[in-house]
């Protein structure tokens, strides 16, 4: 509380107290002086306490500023140990945050939608691997965040592992492998019309659904029907064919 405010409160208390006293009985000069002395003493005590508190706050602020400076000095020394600095650490921190946001986004997807975004999971795993290769990962702040991020990626990969089988593409001459023929295999979908599921589940490998290559390991998403994204992709594919 500011000193001026304390004075205002004391004045109000004094006025109220004296007013009440006058209302009850007429005060003598000595009684009046005693009341004035009492409240003056209270004012002085509060003023002294206020100054003490103000001095304490000033001291704590100075201590906080010094601690902040000491902490920053310590962190600068820590960054230097791994051949980095504060600006590079901030950029690295932003990269980790971006990867964390992507992991959280993927974690919220249904299993079916996650399968369709399996390429994103693979890309995220690669990003995390690259982040670990930076020496800044040795600093406790980053080590803890990357460890948690790594656990999320492993969880996503485990979910995909439970949802996806892998088919290795053979040759056209021997196996007649194309997305249509792969899809109609009994141990795949037993339905050629579900080929867009394979396409959308492997967009990281398949740019043109009419072109696949021997040795490609294609993820086979689960499901007996096309989801909305797969239907949309198939519709655009067939529309493009009809325009030619």
Protein backbone atom coordinates (compact mmCIF):
# COMPACT_ATOMS: atom_id res chain seq x y z
CA UNK A 1 0.00 0.00 0.00
CA UNK A 2 1.41 3.43 -0.89
CA UNK A 3 2.20 5.86 1.95
CA UNK A 4 -0.35 8.39 0.70
CA UNK A 5 -3.05 5.74 0.82
CA UNK A 6 -2.05 4.86 4.39
CA UNK A 7 -2.46 8.50 5.41
CA UNK A 8 -5.88 8.66 3.83
CA UNK A 9 -6.97 5.54 5.70
CA UNK A 10 -5.60 6.88 8.99
CA UNK A 11 -7.34 10.20 8.49
CA UNK A 12 -10.61 8.42 7.84
CA UNK A 13 -10.16 6.26 10.94
CA UNK A 14 -9.29 9.28 13.02
CA UNK A 15 -12.28 11.25 11.76
CA UNK A 16 -14.62 8.31 12.35
CA UNK A 17 -13.24 7.57 15.80
CA UNK A 18 -13.30 11.16 16.95
CA UNK A 19 -16.70 11.75 15.42
CA UNK A 20 -18.08 8.75 17.24
CA UNK A 21 -16.51 9.87 20.48
CA UNK A 22 -17.92 13.37 20.13
CA UNK A 23 -21.32 11.93 19.37
CA UNK A 24 -21.25 9.93 22.61
CA UNK A 25 -19.78 12.57 24.91
CA UNK A 26 -17.94 15.83 24.75
CA UNK A 27 -14.15 15.24 24.92
CA UNK A 28 -11.85 17.24 27.13
CA UNK A 29 -8.74 18.89 25.71
CA UNK A 30 -6.53 16.22 27.31
CA UNK A 31 -8.68 13.41 25.91
CA UNK A 32 -8.54 15.00 22.48
CA UNK A 33 -4.76 15.33 22.69
CA UNK A 34 -4.47 11.68 23.81
CA UNK A 35 -6.48 10.53 20.80
CA UNK A 36 -4.38 12.65 18.47
CA UNK A 37 -1.20 11.19 19.98
CA UNK A 38 -2.50 7.60 19.67
CA UNK A 39 -3.40 7.91 16.02
CA UNK A 40 -0.25 9.82 15.22
CA UNK A 41 1.73 6.94 16.73
CA UNK A 42 -0.28 4.44 14.66
CA UNK A 43 0.44 6.49 11.54
CA UNK A 44 4.15 6.60 12.27
CA UNK A 45 4.26 2.85 12.94
CA UNK A 46 2.46 2.08 9.70
CA UNK A 47 4.70 4.49 7.82
CA UNK A 48 7.78 2.72 9.18
CA UNK A 49 6.37 -0.69 8.25
CA UNK A 50 5.51 0.56 4.78
CA UNK A 51 9.06 1.81 4.28
CA UNK A 52 10.41 -1.52 5.52
CA UNK A 53 8.23 -3.43 3.09
CA UNK A 54 9.23 -1.08 0.26
CA UNK A 55 12.89 -1.67 1.06
CA UNK A 56 12.27 -5.44 1.10
CA UNK A 57 10.62 -5.31 -2.34
CA UNK A 58 13.52 -3.27 -3.73
CA UNK A 59 15.97 -5.80 -2.32
CA UNK A 60 14.05 -8.76 -3.70
CA UNK A 61 13.84 -7.13 -7.14
CA UNK A 62 17.58 -6.60 -7.12
CA UNK A 63 18.10 -10.21 -6.01
CA UNK A 64 15.78 -11.45 -8.77
CA UNK A 65 17.64 -9.41 -11.39
CA UNK A 66 20.95 -10.84 -10.18
CA UNK A 67 19.60 -14.41 -10.23
CA UNK A 68 18.32 -13.92 -13.79
CA UNK A 69 21.72 -12.65 -14.85
CA UNK A 70 23.47 -15.57 -13.12
CA UNK A 71 21.10 -18.05 -14.76
CA UNK A 72 21.68 -16.58 -18.21
CA UNK A 73 25.44 -16.65 -17.63
CA UNK A 74 25.19 -20.31 -16.63
CA UNK A 75 23.09 -21.16 -19.71
CA UNK A 76 25.51 -19.32 -22.01
CA UNK A 77 28.34 -21.39 -20.56
CA UNK A 78 26.29 -24.56 -21.04
CA UNK A 79 25.52 -23.70 -24.67
CA UNK A 80 29.22 -22.99 -25.25
CA UNK A 81 30.10 -26.47 -23.99
CA UNK A 82 28.16 -27.99 -26.91
CA UNK A 83 29.45 -25.44 -29.41
CA UNK A 84 26.28 -23.37 -29.54
CA UNK A 85 24.78 -20.14 -28.23
CA UNK A 86 21.49 -18.66 -27.02
CA UNK A 87 20.19 -17.72 -30.48
CA UNK A 88 20.84 -21.20 -31.88
CA UNK A 89 19.25 -22.72 -28.79
CA UNK A 90 16.13 -20.61 -29.36
CA UNK A 91 15.89 -21.77 -32.97
CA UNK A 92 16.38 -25.37 -31.83
CA UNK A 93 13.68 -24.89 -29.20
CA UNK A 94 11.29 -23.72 -31.93
CA UNK A 95 12.07 -26.82 -34.04
CA UNK A 96 11.27 -29.08 -31.10
CA UNK A 97 8.01 -27.22 -30.45
CA UNK A 98 7.01 -27.63 -34.10
CA UNK A 99 7.71 -31.39 -33.91
CA UNK A 100 5.74 -31.60 -30.65
CA UNK A 101 2.77 -29.88 -32.29
CA UNK A 102 2.90 -32.33 -35.21
CA UNK A 103 3.08 -35.31 -32.82
CA UNK A 104 0.09 -33.99 -30.88
CA UNK A 105 -1.87 -33.50 -34.10
CA UNK A 106 -1.16 -37.04 -35.28
CA UNK A 107 -1.97 -38.47 -31.85
CA UNK A 108 -5.49 -37.04 -32.07
CA UNK A 109 -6.26 -38.88 -35.33
CA UNK A 110 -8.33 -42.05 -35.52
CA UNK A 111 -6.40 -45.20 -36.40
CA UNK A 112 -7.81 -45.15 -39.94
CA UNK A 113 -6.84 -41.52 -40.48
CA UNK A 114 -3.43 -42.14 -38.98
CA UNK A 115 -2.83 -44.89 -41.51
CA UNK A 116 -3.62 -42.41 -44.28
CA UNK A 117 -1.04 -40.08 -42.73
CA UNK A 118 1.60 -42.75 -42.17
CA UNK A 119 3.97 -40.75 -44.35
CA UNK A 120 3.73 -37.91 -41.85
CA UNK A 121 4.64 -40.29 -39.03
CA UNK A 122 7.71 -41.43 -40.96
CA UNK A 123 8.66 -37.81 -41.66
CA UNK A 124 8.23 -36.93 -37.98
CA UNK A 125 10.43 -39.85 -36.95
CA UNK A 126 13.11 -38.54 -39.31
CA UNK A 127 12.77 -35.04 -37.87
CA UNK A 128 13.16 -36.31 -34.32
CA UNK A 129 16.21 -38.36 -35.34
CA UNK A 130 17.76 -35.20 -36.76
CA UNK A 131 16.99 -33.25 -33.59
CA UNK A 132 18.75 -35.88 -31.51
CA UNK A 133 21.85 -35.49 -33.66
CA UNK A 134 22.21 -31.86 -32.58
CA UNK A 135 24.57 -31.53 -29.59
CA UNK A 136 22.05 -29.19 -27.97
CA UNK A 137 20.03 -32.33 -27.22
CA UNK A 138 22.49 -32.99 -24.37
CA UNK A 139 21.14 -30.01 -22.43
CA UNK A 140 18.57 -31.22 -19.84
CA UNK A 141 15.72 -29.01 -21.09
CA UNK A 142 15.99 -30.38 -24.61
CA UNK A 143 16.87 -33.92 -23.54
CA UNK A 144 13.65 -34.22 -21.53
CA UNK A 145 11.46 -32.79 -24.30
CA UNK A 146 13.05 -34.98 -26.97
CA UNK A 147 12.66 -38.07 -24.78
CA UNK A 148 8.93 -37.36 -24.39
CA UNK A 149 8.66 -36.64 -28.12
CA UNK A 150 10.47 -39.87 -28.96
CA UNK A 151 7.97 -41.80 -26.83
CA UNK A 152 5.07 -40.23 -28.75
CA UNK A 153 6.62 -41.17 -32.10
CA UNK A 154 7.15 -44.76 -30.94
CA UNK A 155 3.52 -44.89 -29.82
CA UNK A 156 2.37 -43.65 -33.23
CA UNK A 157 4.59 -46.19 -34.98
CA UNK A 158 3.25 -48.96 -32.74
CA UNK A 159 -0.31 -47.98 -33.64
CA UNK A 160 0.57 -48.09 -37.33
CA UNK A 161 2.30 -51.43 -36.85
CA UNK A 162 -0.91 -52.88 -35.49
CA UNK A 163 -2.95 -51.42 -38.32
CA UNK A 164 -0.77 -51.96 -41.36
CA UNK A 165 0.68 -54.92 -43.21
CA UNK A 166 3.44 -54.43 -45.76
CA UNK A 167 3.49 -55.71 -49.35
CA UNK A 168 6.70 -55.84 -51.36
CA UNK A 169 6.11 -54.98 -55.02
CA UNK A 170 7.17 -57.63 -57.53
CA UNK A 171 7.64 -57.30 -61.29
CA UNK A 172 4.95 -56.72 -63.89
CA UNK A 173 6.27 -59.54 -66.06
CA UNK A 174 6.14 -62.14 -63.31
CA UNK A 175 3.64 -60.86 -60.74
CA UNK A 176 1.52 -58.43 -62.76
CA UNK A 177 1.82 -56.05 -59.82
CA UNK A 178 -0.07 -52.78 -60.03
CA UNK A 179 -2.26 -51.19 -57.38
CA UNK A 180 -5.39 -52.68 -58.93
CA UNK A 181 -3.99 -56.23 -59.00
CA UNK A 182 -2.41 -55.95 -55.56
CA UNK A 183 -5.69 -54.74 -54.09
CA UNK A 184 -7.65 -57.69 -55.47
CA UNK A 185 -5.32 -60.28 -53.96
CA UNK A 186 -7.21 -62.41 -51.42
CA UNK A 187 -4.70 -61.70 -48.65
CA UNK A 188 -4.86 -57.95 -49.31
CA UNK A 189 -8.44 -56.66 -49.85
CA UNK A 190 -9.87 -59.22 -52.24
CA UNK A 191 -11.36 -56.17 -53.92
CA UNK A 192 -9.59 -54.36 -56.76
CA UNK A 193 -11.69 -51.21 -56.26
CA UNK A 194 -9.98 -50.55 -52.95
CA UNK A 195 -6.67 -49.76 -54.65
CA UNK A 196 -6.90 -46.03 -53.64
CA UNK A 197 -6.35 -47.12 -50.02
CA UNK A 198 -2.87 -48.34 -50.94
CA UNK A 199 -2.20 -45.18 -52.94
CA UNK A 200 -3.23 -42.81 -50.16
CA UNK A 201 -1.45 -44.85 -47.52
CA UNK A 202 1.81 -44.54 -49.47
CA UNK A 203 1.75 -41.02 -50.88
CA UNK A 204 5.33 -40.63 -49.69
CA UNK A 205 6.32 -43.35 -52.21
CA UNK A 206 3.64 -43.17 -54.89
CA UNK A 207 3.34 -39.92 -56.80
CA UNK A 208 1.50 -41.44 -59.76
CA UNK A 209 -0.82 -44.36 -58.88
CA UNK A 210 -0.19 -45.85 -62.31
CA UNK A 211 3.51 -46.19 -61.53
CA UNK A 212 4.98 -48.43 -58.83
CA UNK A 213 8.40 -50.05 -58.76
CA UNK A 214 9.78 -53.47 -57.95
CA UNK A 215 11.01 -53.69 -54.38
CA UNK A 216 8.82 -50.92 -52.98
CA UNK A 217 7.43 -51.84 -49.58
CA UNK A 218 3.86 -50.62 -49.58
CA UNK A 219 1.84 -50.26 -46.42
CA UNK A 220 -1.59 -51.88 -46.71
CA UNK A 221 -4.04 -49.87 -44.60
CA UNK A 222 -6.79 -51.79 -42.85
CA UNK A 223 -10.43 -51.43 -43.83
CA UNK A 224 -12.95 -52.81 -46.27
CA UNK A 225 -14.19 -49.45 -47.51
CA UNK A 226 -12.67 -46.26 -48.84
CA UNK A 227 -12.66 -43.35 -46.40
CA UNK A 228 -13.59 -39.81 -47.49
CA UNK A 229 -10.02 -38.85 -48.38
CA UNK A 230 -9.51 -42.02 -50.43
CA UNK A 231 -12.80 -41.54 -52.27
CA UNK A 232 -11.87 -37.95 -53.08
CA UNK A 233 -8.46 -39.03 -54.41
CA UNK A 234 -10.06 -41.77 -56.57
CA UNK A 235 -12.63 -39.33 -57.93
CA UNK A 236 -9.92 -36.88 -58.98
CA UNK A 237 -7.90 -39.71 -60.53
CA UNK A 238 -10.81 -40.99 -62.64
CA UNK A 239 -11.80 -37.42 -63.60
CA UNK A 240 -8.27 -36.82 -64.84
CA UNK A 241 -8.41 -40.01 -66.92
CA UNK A 242 -11.70 -39.03 -68.54
CA UNK A 243 -10.32 -35.66 -69.57
CA UNK A 244 -7.53 -37.25 -71.60
